[in-house]
Amino acid sequence: MGAGTSSDEGGADRMAERPKDSAQAILQVLTPLFAPHFSESSFGFRPGRSCHDAVQAARGQASEGPTAAPAHPALSGSRGDGRGHRLCP
């Protein structure tokens, strides 16, 4: 053996791959279960969606102008007039 080498050089590489393999296996099982429940306007860490898609969607919405309905139901108050929520005094 030369300087800087060990008899188990490949072992460390295999150990480093195990968490990646485990994460990929979990992702393959959970994605089909949860993906249908995400909003169509959700782009964060979604398969087949990128930050470029999010920017394009935002530009499209901005070009449409303001809408009468709030962007998210949590932003409207119980009276439905946009008031009464802690974010919208």
PDB file of N, CA and C in Angstrom:
ATOM      1  N   MET A   1       0.838  -1.202   0.000  1.00  0.00           N
ATOM      2  CA  MET A   1       0.000   0.000   0.000  1.00  0.00           C
ATOM      3  C   MET A   1       0.867   1.244   0.000  1.00  0.00           C
ATOM      4  N   GLY A   2       0.454   2.243  -0.768  1.00  0.00           N
ATOM      5  CA  GLY A   2       1.213   3.482  -0.830  1.00  0.00           C
ATOM      6  C   GLY A   2       0.713   4.464   0.199  1.00  0.00           C
ATOM      7  N   ALA A   3       1.372   5.601   0.267  1.00  0.00           N
ATOM      8  CA  ALA A   3       0.971   6.645   1.208  1.00  0.00           C
ATOM      9  C   ALA A   3      -0.402   7.182   0.836  1.00  0.00           C
ATOM     10  N   GLY A   4      -1.260   7.358   1.834  1.00  0.00           N
ATOM     11  CA  GLY A   4      -2.579   7.942   1.609  1.00  0.00           C
ATOM     12  C   GLY A   4      -3.616   6.953   1.124  1.00  0.00           C
ATOM     13  N   THR A   5      -3.298   5.679   1.044  1.00  0.00           N
ATOM     14  CA  THR A   5      -4.289   4.694   0.622  1.00  0.00           C
ATOM     15  C   THR A   5      -4.629   3.794   1.784  1.00  0.00           C
ATOM     16  N   SER A   6      -5.774   3.170   1.702  1.00  0.00           N
ATOM     17  CA  SER A   6      -6.162   2.230   2.737  1.00  0.00           C
ATOM     18  C   SER A   6      -6.688   0.972   2.075  1.00  0.00           C
ATOM     19  N   SER A   7      -6.797  -0.071   2.838  1.00  0.00           N
ATOM     20  CA  SER A   7      -7.270  -1.329   2.280  1.00  0.00           C
ATOM     21  C   SER A   7      -8.770  -1.284   2.015  1.00  0.00           C
ATOM     22  N   ASP A   8      -9.484  -0.324   2.601  1.00  0.00           N
ATOM     23  CA  ASP A   8     -10.933  -0.249   2.451  1.00  0.00           C
ATOM     24  C   ASP A   8     -11.335   1.069   1.791  1.00  0.00           C
ATOM     25  N   GLU A   9     -10.643   1.444   0.739  1.00  0.00           N
ATOM     26  CA  GLU A   9     -10.927   2.705   0.056  1.00  0.00           C
ATOM     27  C   GLU A   9     -12.353   2.764  -0.483  1.00  0.00           C
ATOM     28  N   GLY A  10     -12.815   1.680  -1.097  1.00  0.00           N
ATOM     29  CA  GLY A  10     -14.158   1.661  -1.671  1.00  0.00           C
ATOM     30  C   GLY A  10     -15.248   1.623  -0.636  1.00  0.00           C
ATOM     31  N   GLY A  11     -14.953   1.172   0.581  1.00  0.00           N
ATOM     32  CA  GLY A  11     -15.959   1.082   1.636  1.00  0.00           C
ATOM     33  C   GLY A  11     -16.528   2.425   2.007  1.00  0.00           C
ATOM     34  N   ALA A  12     -15.710   3.435   2.081  1.00  0.00           N
ATOM     35  CA  ALA A  12     -16.181   4.783   2.427  1.00  0.00           C
ATOM     36  C   ALA A  12     -17.103   5.318   1.343  1.00  0.00           C
ATOM     37  N   ASP A  13     -16.787   5.040   0.096  1.00  0.00           N
ATOM     38  CA  ASP A  13     -17.646   5.493  -0.999  1.00  0.00           C
ATOM     39  C   ASP A  13     -19.006   4.818  -0.944  1.00  0.00           C
ATOM     40  N   ARG A  14     -19.020   3.532  -0.654  1.00  0.00           N
ATOM     41  CA  ARG A  14     -20.289   2.807  -0.565  1.00  0.00           C
ATOM     42  C   ARG A  14     -21.122   3.317   0.609  1.00  0.00           C
ATOM     43  N   MET A  15     -20.485   3.646   1.719  1.00  0.00           N
ATOM     44  CA  MET A  15     -21.210   4.171   2.884  1.00  0.00           C
ATOM     45  C   MET A  15     -21.820   5.526   2.569  1.00  0.00           C
ATOM     46  N   ALA A  16     -21.124   6.338   1.783  1.00  0.00           N
ATOM     47  CA  ALA A  16     -21.636   7.666   1.433  1.00  0.00           C
ATOM     48  C   ALA A  16     -22.839   7.558   0.510  1.00  0.00           C
ATOM     49  N   GLU A  17     -22.934   6.501  -0.271  1.00  0.00           N
ATOM     50  CA  GLU A  17     -24.045   6.337  -1.207  1.00  0.00           C
ATOM     51  C   GLU A  17     -25.308   5.834  -0.529  1.00  0.00           C
ATOM     52  N   ARG A  18     -25.208   5.190   0.602  1.00  0.00           N
ATOM     53  CA  ARG A  18     -26.378   4.610   1.267  1.00  0.00           C
ATOM     54  C   ARG A  18     -27.447   5.638   1.614  1.00  0.00           C
ATOM     55  N   PRO A  19     -27.106   6.783   2.214  1.00  0.00           N
ATOM     56  CA  PRO A  19     -28.170   7.765   2.497  1.00  0.00           C
ATOM     57  C   PRO A  19     -28.853   8.267   1.228  1.00  0.00           C
ATOM     58  N   LYS A  20     -28.098   8.426   0.148  1.00  0.00           N
ATOM     59  CA  LYS A  20     -28.688   8.875  -1.117  1.00  0.00           C
ATOM     60  C   LYS A  20     -29.656   7.831  -1.648  1.00  0.00           C
ATOM     61  N   ASP A  21     -29.254   6.572  -1.572  1.00  0.00           N
ATOM     62  CA  ASP A  21     -30.128   5.495  -2.037  1.00  0.00           C
ATOM     63  C   ASP A  21     -31.394   5.424  -1.194  1.00  0.00           C
ATOM     64  N   SER A  22     -31.250   5.567   0.108  1.00  0.00           N
ATOM     65  CA  SER A  22     -32.408   5.529   1.006  1.00  0.00           C
ATOM     66  C   SER A  22     -33.355   6.687   0.724  1.00  0.00           C
ATOM     67  N   ALA A  23     -32.802   7.871   0.538  1.00  0.00           N
ATOM     68  CA  ALA A  23     -33.625   9.047   0.261  1.00  0.00           C
ATOM     69  C   ALA A  23     -34.375   8.873  -1.058  1.00  0.00           C
ATOM     70  N   GLN A  24     -33.706   8.320  -2.060  1.00  0.00           N
ATOM     71  CA  GLN A  24     -34.349   8.104  -3.357  1.00  0.00           C
ATOM     72  C   GLN A  24     -35.480   7.089  -3.236  1.00  0.00           C
ATOM     73  N   ALA A  25     -35.276   6.037  -2.464  1.00  0.00           N
ATOM     74  CA  ALA A  25     -36.318   5.025  -2.268  1.00  0.00           C
ATOM     75  C   ALA A  25     -37.535   5.615  -1.566  1.00  0.00           C
ATOM     76  N   ILE A  26     -37.300   6.429  -0.549  1.00  0.00           N
ATOM     77  CA  ILE A  26     -38.403   7.076   0.171  1.00  0.00           C
ATOM     78  C   ILE A  26     -39.151   8.030  -0.758  1.00  0.00           C
ATOM     79  N   LEU A  27     -38.412   8.776  -1.553  1.00  0.00           N
ATOM     80  CA  LEU A  27     -39.017   9.714  -2.496  1.00  0.00           C
ATOM     81  C   LEU A  27     -39.905   8.994  -3.498  1.00  0.00           C
ATOM     82  N   GLN A  28     -39.451   7.859  -3.991  1.00  0.00           N
ATOM     83  CA  GLN A  28     -40.236   7.101  -4.972  1.00  0.00           C
ATOM     84  C   GLN A  28     -41.532   6.556  -4.371  1.00  0.00           C
ATOM     85  N   VAL A  29     -41.529   6.264  -3.095  1.00  0.00           N
ATOM     86  CA  VAL A  29     -42.729   5.740  -2.445  1.00  0.00           C
ATOM     87  C   VAL A  29     -43.692   6.873  -2.085  1.00  0.00           C
ATOM     88  N   LEU A  30     -43.176   7.970  -1.550  1.00  0.00           N
ATOM     89  CA  LEU A  30     -44.040   9.035  -1.036  1.00  0.00           C
ATOM     90  C   LEU A  30     -44.567   9.994  -2.102  1.00  0.00           C
ATOM     91  N   THR A  31     -43.809  10.216  -3.163  1.00  0.00           N
ATOM     92  CA  THR A  31     -44.219  11.183  -4.184  1.00  0.00           C
ATOM     93  C   THR A  31     -45.601  10.872  -4.759  1.00  0.00           C
ATOM     94  N   PRO A  32     -45.885   9.638  -5.177  1.00  0.00           N
ATOM     95  CA  PRO A  32     -47.217   9.379  -5.724  1.00  0.00           C
ATOM     96  C   PRO A  32     -48.349   9.557  -4.696  1.00  0.00           C
ATOM     97  N   LEU A  33     -48.030   9.436  -3.422  1.00  0.00           N
ATOM     98  CA  LEU A  33     -49.049   9.591  -2.387  1.00  0.00           C
ATOM     99  C   LEU A  33     -49.394  11.053  -2.130  1.00  0.00           C
ATOM    100  N   PHE A  34     -48.390  11.923  -2.149  1.00  0.00           N
ATOM    101  CA  PHE A  34     -48.607  13.321  -1.782  1.00  0.00           C
ATOM    102  C   PHE A  34     -48.746  14.266  -2.961  1.00  0.00           C
ATOM    103  N   ALA A  35     -48.197  13.943  -4.110  1.00  0.00           N
ATOM    104  CA  ALA A  35     -48.210  14.852  -5.260  1.00  0.00           C
ATOM    105  C   ALA A  35     -49.614  15.304  -5.662  1.00  0.00           C
ATOM    106  N   PRO A  36     -50.618  14.430  -5.651  1.00  0.00           N
ATOM    107  CA  PRO A  36     -51.950  14.890  -6.059  1.00  0.00           C
ATOM    108  C   PRO A  36     -52.565  15.952  -5.138  1.00  0.00           C
ATOM    109  N   HIS A  37     -52.050  16.083  -3.933  1.00  0.00           N
ATOM    110  CA  HIS A  37     -52.620  17.028  -2.968  1.00  0.00           C
ATOM    111  C   HIS A  37     -51.970  18.408  -3.023  1.00  0.00           C
ATOM    112  N   PHE A  38     -50.912  18.568  -3.801  1.00  0.00           N
ATOM    113  CA  PHE A  38     -50.253  19.864  -3.918  1.00  0.00           C
ATOM    114  C   PHE A  38     -51.032  20.764  -4.869  1.00  0.00           C
ATOM    115  N   SER A  39     -50.949  22.038  -4.619  1.00  0.00           N
ATOM    116  CA  SER A  39     -51.585  23.029  -5.475  1.00  0.00           C
ATOM    117  C   SER A  39     -50.879  23.074  -6.828  1.00  0.00           C
ATOM    118  N   GLU A  40     -51.653  23.382  -7.862  1.00  0.00           N
ATOM    119  CA  GLU A  40     -51.054  23.530  -9.198  1.00  0.00           C
ATOM    120  C   GLU A  40     -50.082  24.709  -9.240  1.00  0.00           C
ATOM    121  N   SER A  41     -50.232  25.641  -8.303  1.00  0.00           N
ATOM    122  CA  SER A  41     -49.340  26.799  -8.289  1.00  0.00           C
ATOM    123  C   SER A  41     -48.124  26.574  -7.399  1.00  0.00           C
ATOM    124  N   SER A  42     -47.924  25.341  -6.935  1.00  0.00           N
ATOM    125  CA  SER A  42     -46.765  25.008  -6.109  1.00  0.00           C
ATOM    126  C   SER A  42     -45.612  24.557  -6.996  1.00  0.00           C
ATOM    127  N   PHE A  43     -44.458  25.183  -6.815  1.00  0.00           N
ATOM    128  CA  PHE A  43     -43.294  24.846  -7.636  1.00  0.00           C
ATOM    129  C   PHE A  43     -42.105  24.381  -6.812  1.00  0.00           C
ATOM    130  N   GLY A  44     -42.135  24.518  -5.496  1.00  0.00           N
ATOM    131  CA  GLY A  44     -40.986  24.181  -4.664  1.00  0.00           C
ATOM    132  C   GLY A  44     -40.733  22.696  -4.553  1.00  0.00           C
ATOM    133  N   PHE A  45     -39.582  22.253  -4.976  1.00  0.00           N
ATOM    134  CA  PHE A  45     -39.137  20.864  -4.850  1.00  0.00           C
ATOM    135  C   PHE A  45     -40.150  19.882  -5.424  1.00  0.00           C
ATOM    136  N   ARG A  46     -40.715  20.215  -6.564  1.00  0.00           N
ATOM    137  CA  ARG A  46     -41.691  19.337  -7.209  1.00  0.00           C
ATOM    138  C   ARG A  46     -41.064  18.705  -8.436  1.00  0.00           C
ATOM    139  N   PRO A  47     -41.294  17.425  -8.643  1.00  0.00           N
ATOM    140  CA  PRO A  47     -40.745  16.770  -9.834  1.00  0.00           C
ATOM    141  C   PRO A  47     -41.287  17.409 -11.106  1.00  0.00           C
ATOM    142  N   GLY A  48     -40.418  17.665 -12.039  1.00  0.00           N
ATOM    143  CA  GLY A  48     -40.831  18.237 -13.315  1.00  0.00           C
ATOM    144  C   GLY A  48     -41.117  19.726 -13.279  1.00  0.00           C
ATOM    145  N   ARG A  49     -40.829  20.388 -12.171  1.00  0.00           N
ATOM    146  CA  ARG A  49     -41.045  21.834 -12.066  1.00  0.00           C
ATOM    147  C   ARG A  49     -39.753  22.495 -11.636  1.00  0.00           C
ATOM    148  N   SER A  50     -39.536  23.674 -12.141  1.00  0.00           N
ATOM    149  CA  SER A  50     -38.282  24.362 -11.827  1.00  0.00           C
ATOM    150  C   SER A  50     -38.557  25.805 -11.426  1.00  0.00           C
ATOM    151  N   CYS A  51     -37.501  26.474 -11.003  1.00  0.00           N
ATOM    152  CA  CYS A  51     -37.643  27.888 -10.654  1.00  0.00           C
ATOM    153  C   CYS A  51     -37.998  28.699 -11.900  1.00  0.00           C
ATOM    154  N   HIS A  52     -37.566  28.251 -13.052  1.00  0.00           N
ATOM    155  CA  HIS A  52     -37.907  28.948 -14.300  1.00  0.00           C
ATOM    156  C   HIS A  52     -39.414  28.865 -14.563  1.00  0.00           C
ATOM    157  N   ASP A  53     -40.015  27.703 -14.257  1.00  0.00           N
ATOM    158  CA  ASP A  53     -41.463  27.554 -14.409  1.00  0.00           C
ATOM    159  C   ASP A  53     -42.202  28.493 -13.458  1.00  0.00           C
ATOM    160  N   ALA A  54     -41.690  28.629 -12.233  1.00  0.00           N
ATOM    161  CA  ALA A  54     -42.323  29.510 -11.251  1.00  0.00           C
ATOM    162  C   ALA A  54     -42.264  30.966 -11.706  1.00  0.00           C
ATOM    163  N   VAL A  55     -41.138  31.384 -12.235  1.00  0.00           N
ATOM    164  CA  VAL A  55     -40.993  32.767 -12.710  1.00  0.00           C
ATOM    165  C   VAL A  55     -41.928  33.009 -13.891  1.00  0.00           C
ATOM    166  N   GLN A  56     -42.014  32.043 -14.788  1.00  0.00           N
ATOM    167  CA  GLN A  56     -42.897  32.188 -15.948  1.00  0.00           C
ATOM    168  C   GLN A  56     -44.357  32.297 -15.503  1.00  0.00           C
ATOM    169  N   ALA A  57     -44.767  31.486 -14.536  1.00  0.00           N
ATOM    170  CA  ALA A  57     -46.136  31.547 -14.027  1.00  0.00           C
ATOM    171  C   ALA A  57     -46.406  32.890 -13.343  1.00  0.00           C
ATOM    172  N   ALA A  58     -45.442  33.383 -12.566  1.00  0.00           N
ATOM    173  CA  ALA A  58     -45.602  34.667 -11.883  1.00  0.00           C
ATOM    174  C   ALA A  58     -45.720  35.805 -12.892  1.00  0.00           C
ATOM    175  N   ARG A  59     -44.924  35.751 -13.944  1.00  0.00           N
ATOM    176  CA  ARG A  59     -45.011  36.791 -14.978  1.00  0.00           C
ATOM    177  C   ARG A  59     -46.373  36.757 -15.665  1.00  0.00           C
ATOM    178  N   GLY A  60     -46.876  35.560 -15.902  1.00  0.00           N
ATOM    179  CA  GLY A  60     -48.197  35.433 -16.519  1.00  0.00           C
ATOM    180  C   GLY A  60     -49.285  36.008 -15.643  1.00  0.00           C
ATOM    181  N   GLN A  61     -49.219  35.745 -14.345  1.00  0.00           N
ATOM    182  CA  GLN A  61     -50.216  36.280 -13.419  1.00  0.00           C
ATOM    183  C   GLN A  61     -50.089  37.794 -13.298  1.00  0.00           C
ATOM    184  N   ALA A  62     -48.863  38.293 -13.311  1.00  0.00           N
ATOM    185  CA  ALA A  62     -48.656  39.746 -13.196  1.00  0.00           C
ATOM    186  C   ALA A  62     -49.209  40.464 -14.421  1.00  0.00           C
ATOM    187  N   SER A  63     -49.097  39.836 -15.592  1.00  0.00           N
ATOM    188  CA  SER A  63     -49.589  40.492 -16.802  1.00  0.00           C
ATOM    189  C   SER A  63     -51.115  40.500 -16.860  1.00  0.00           C
ATOM    190  N   GLU A  64     -51.757  39.603 -16.092  1.00  0.00           N
ATOM    191  CA  GLU A  64     -53.218  39.565 -16.048  1.00  0.00           C
ATOM    192  C   GLU A  64     -53.788  40.695 -15.203  1.00  0.00           C
ATOM    193  N   GLY A  65     -52.972  41.289 -14.355  1.00  0.00           N
ATOM    194  CA  GLY A  65     -53.427  42.377 -13.510  1.00  0.00           C
ATOM    195  C   GLY A  65     -54.038  41.874 -12.220  1.00  0.00           C
ATOM    196  N   PRO A  66     -54.465  42.793 -11.356  1.00  0.00           N
ATOM    197  CA  PRO A  66     -55.038  42.396 -10.063  1.00  0.00           C
ATOM    198  C   PRO A  66     -56.360  41.662 -10.251  1.00  0.00           C
ATOM    199  N   THR A  67     -56.635  40.773  -9.327  1.00  0.00           N
ATOM    200  CA  THR A  67     -57.895  40.029  -9.370  1.00  0.00           C
ATOM    201  C   THR A  67     -58.769  40.461  -8.200  1.00  0.00           C
ATOM    202  N   ALA A  68     -60.045  40.167  -8.279  1.00  0.00           N
ATOM    203  CA  ALA A  68     -60.963  40.543  -7.218  1.00  0.00           C
ATOM    204  C   ALA A  68     -60.814  39.639  -6.003  1.00  0.00           C
ATOM    205  N   ALA A  69     -60.443  38.387  -6.224  1.00  0.00           N
ATOM    206  CA  ALA A  69     -60.307  37.424  -5.127  1.00  0.00           C
ATOM    207  C   ALA A  69     -58.885  37.451  -4.579  1.00  0.00           C
ATOM    208  N   PRO A  70     -58.723  37.221  -3.273  1.00  0.00           N
ATOM    209  CA  PRO A  70     -57.377  37.159  -2.716  1.00  0.00           C
ATOM    210  C   PRO A  70     -56.615  35.961  -3.283  1.00  0.00           C
ATOM    211  N   ALA A  71     -55.301  36.053  -3.288  1.00  0.00           N
ATOM    212  CA  ALA A  71     -54.470  34.995  -3.844  1.00  0.00           C
ATOM    213  C   ALA A  71     -54.571  33.719  -3.029  1.00  0.00           C
ATOM    214  N   HIS A  72     -54.830  33.825  -1.746  1.00  0.00           N
ATOM    215  CA  HIS A  72     -54.880  32.657  -0.874  1.00  0.00           C
ATOM    216  C   HIS A  72     -56.049  32.824   0.086  1.00  0.00           C
ATOM    217  N   PRO A  73     -56.800  31.751   0.355  1.00  0.00           N
ATOM    218  CA  PRO A  73     -57.959  31.875   1.253  1.00  0.00           C
ATOM    219  C   PRO A  73     -57.610  32.400   2.644  1.00  0.00           C
ATOM    220  N   ALA A  74     -56.399  32.144   3.116  1.00  0.00           N
ATOM    221  CA  ALA A  74     -56.020  32.605   4.452  1.00  0.00           C
ATOM    222  C   ALA A  74     -55.925  34.124   4.533  1.00  0.00           C
ATOM    223  N   LEU A  75     -55.845  34.789   3.383  1.00  0.00           N
ATOM    224  CA  LEU A  75     -55.730  36.250   3.387  1.00  0.00           C
ATOM    225  C   LEU A  75     -57.080  36.940   3.500  1.00  0.00           C
ATOM    226  N   SER A  76     -58.157  36.194   3.350  1.00  0.00           N
ATOM    227  CA  SER A  76     -59.475  36.817   3.484  1.00  0.00           C
ATOM    228  C   SER A  76     -59.990  36.600   4.903  1.00  0.00           C
ATOM    229  N   GLY A  77     -60.698  37.570   5.412  1.00  0.00           N
ATOM    230  CA  GLY A  77     -61.247  37.475   6.755  1.00  0.00           C
ATOM    231  C   GLY A  77     -62.515  36.644   6.776  1.00  0.00           C
ATOM    232  N   SER A  78     -63.048  36.433   7.964  1.00  0.00           N
ATOM    233  CA  SER A  78     -64.265  35.640   8.096  1.00  0.00           C
ATOM    234  C   SER A  78     -65.458  36.329   7.443  1.00  0.00           C
ATOM    235  N   ARG A  79     -65.376  37.663   7.266  1.00  0.00           N
ATOM    236  CA  ARG A  79     -66.475  38.401   6.638  1.00  0.00           C
ATOM    237  C   ARG A  79     -66.392  38.353   5.121  1.00  0.00           C
ATOM    238  N   GLY A  80     -65.264  37.842   4.594  1.00  0.00           N
ATOM    239  CA  GLY A  80     -65.114  37.748   3.146  1.00  0.00           C
ATOM    240  C   GLY A  80     -64.763  39.057   2.476  1.00  0.00           C
ATOM    241  N   ASP A  81     -64.441  40.089   3.272  1.00  0.00           N
ATOM    242  CA  ASP A  81     -64.133  41.383   2.667  1.00  0.00           C
ATOM    243  C   ASP A  81     -62.645  41.727   2.714  1.00  0.00           C
ATOM    244  N   GLY A  82     -61.813  40.757   3.102  1.00  0.00           N
ATOM    245  CA  GLY A  82     -60.387  41.016   3.163  1.00  0.00           C
ATOM    246  C   GLY A  82     -59.938  41.616   4.472  1.00  0.00           C
ATOM    247  N   ARG A  83     -60.903  41.939   5.359  1.00  0.00           N
ATOM    248  CA  ARG A  83     -60.544  42.481   6.666  1.00  0.00           C
ATOM    249  C   ARG A  83     -60.751  41.418   7.734  1.00  0.00           C
ATOM    250  N   GLY A  84     -60.209  41.626   8.901  1.00  0.00           N
ATOM    251  CA  GLY A  84     -60.459  40.726  10.001  1.00  0.00           C
ATOM    252  C   GLY A  84     -59.430  39.640  10.154  1.00  0.00           C
ATOM    253  N   HIS A  85     -58.440  39.623   9.323  1.00  0.00           N
ATOM    254  CA  HIS A  85     -57.366  38.640   9.440  1.00  0.00           C
ATOM    255  C   HIS A  85     -56.158  39.350  10.019  1.00  0.00           C
ATOM    256  N   ARG A  86     -55.360  38.615  10.786  1.00  0.00           N
ATOM    257  CA  ARG A  86     -54.222  39.271  11.425  1.00  0.00           C
ATOM    258  C   ARG A  86     -53.225  39.845  10.443  1.00  0.00           C
ATOM    259  N   LEU A  87     -53.213  39.327   9.191  1.00  0.00           N
ATOM    260  CA  LEU A  87     -52.307  39.882   8.189  1.00  0.00           C
ATOM    261  C   LEU A  87     -52.927  41.046   7.450  1.00  0.00           C
ATOM    262  N   CYS A  88     -54.247  41.161   7.495  1.00  0.00           N
ATOM    263  CA  CYS A  88     -54.947  42.220   6.782  1.00  0.00           C
ATOM    264  C   CYS A  88     -55.817  42.988   7.765  1.00  0.00           C
ATOM    265  N   PRO A  89     -55.299  44.032   8.406  1.00  0.00           N
ATOM    266  CA  PRO A  89     -56.084  44.780   9.411  1.00  0.00           C
ATOM    267  C   PRO A  89     -57.251  45.525   8.802  1.00  0.00           C
TER     268      PRO A  89
END
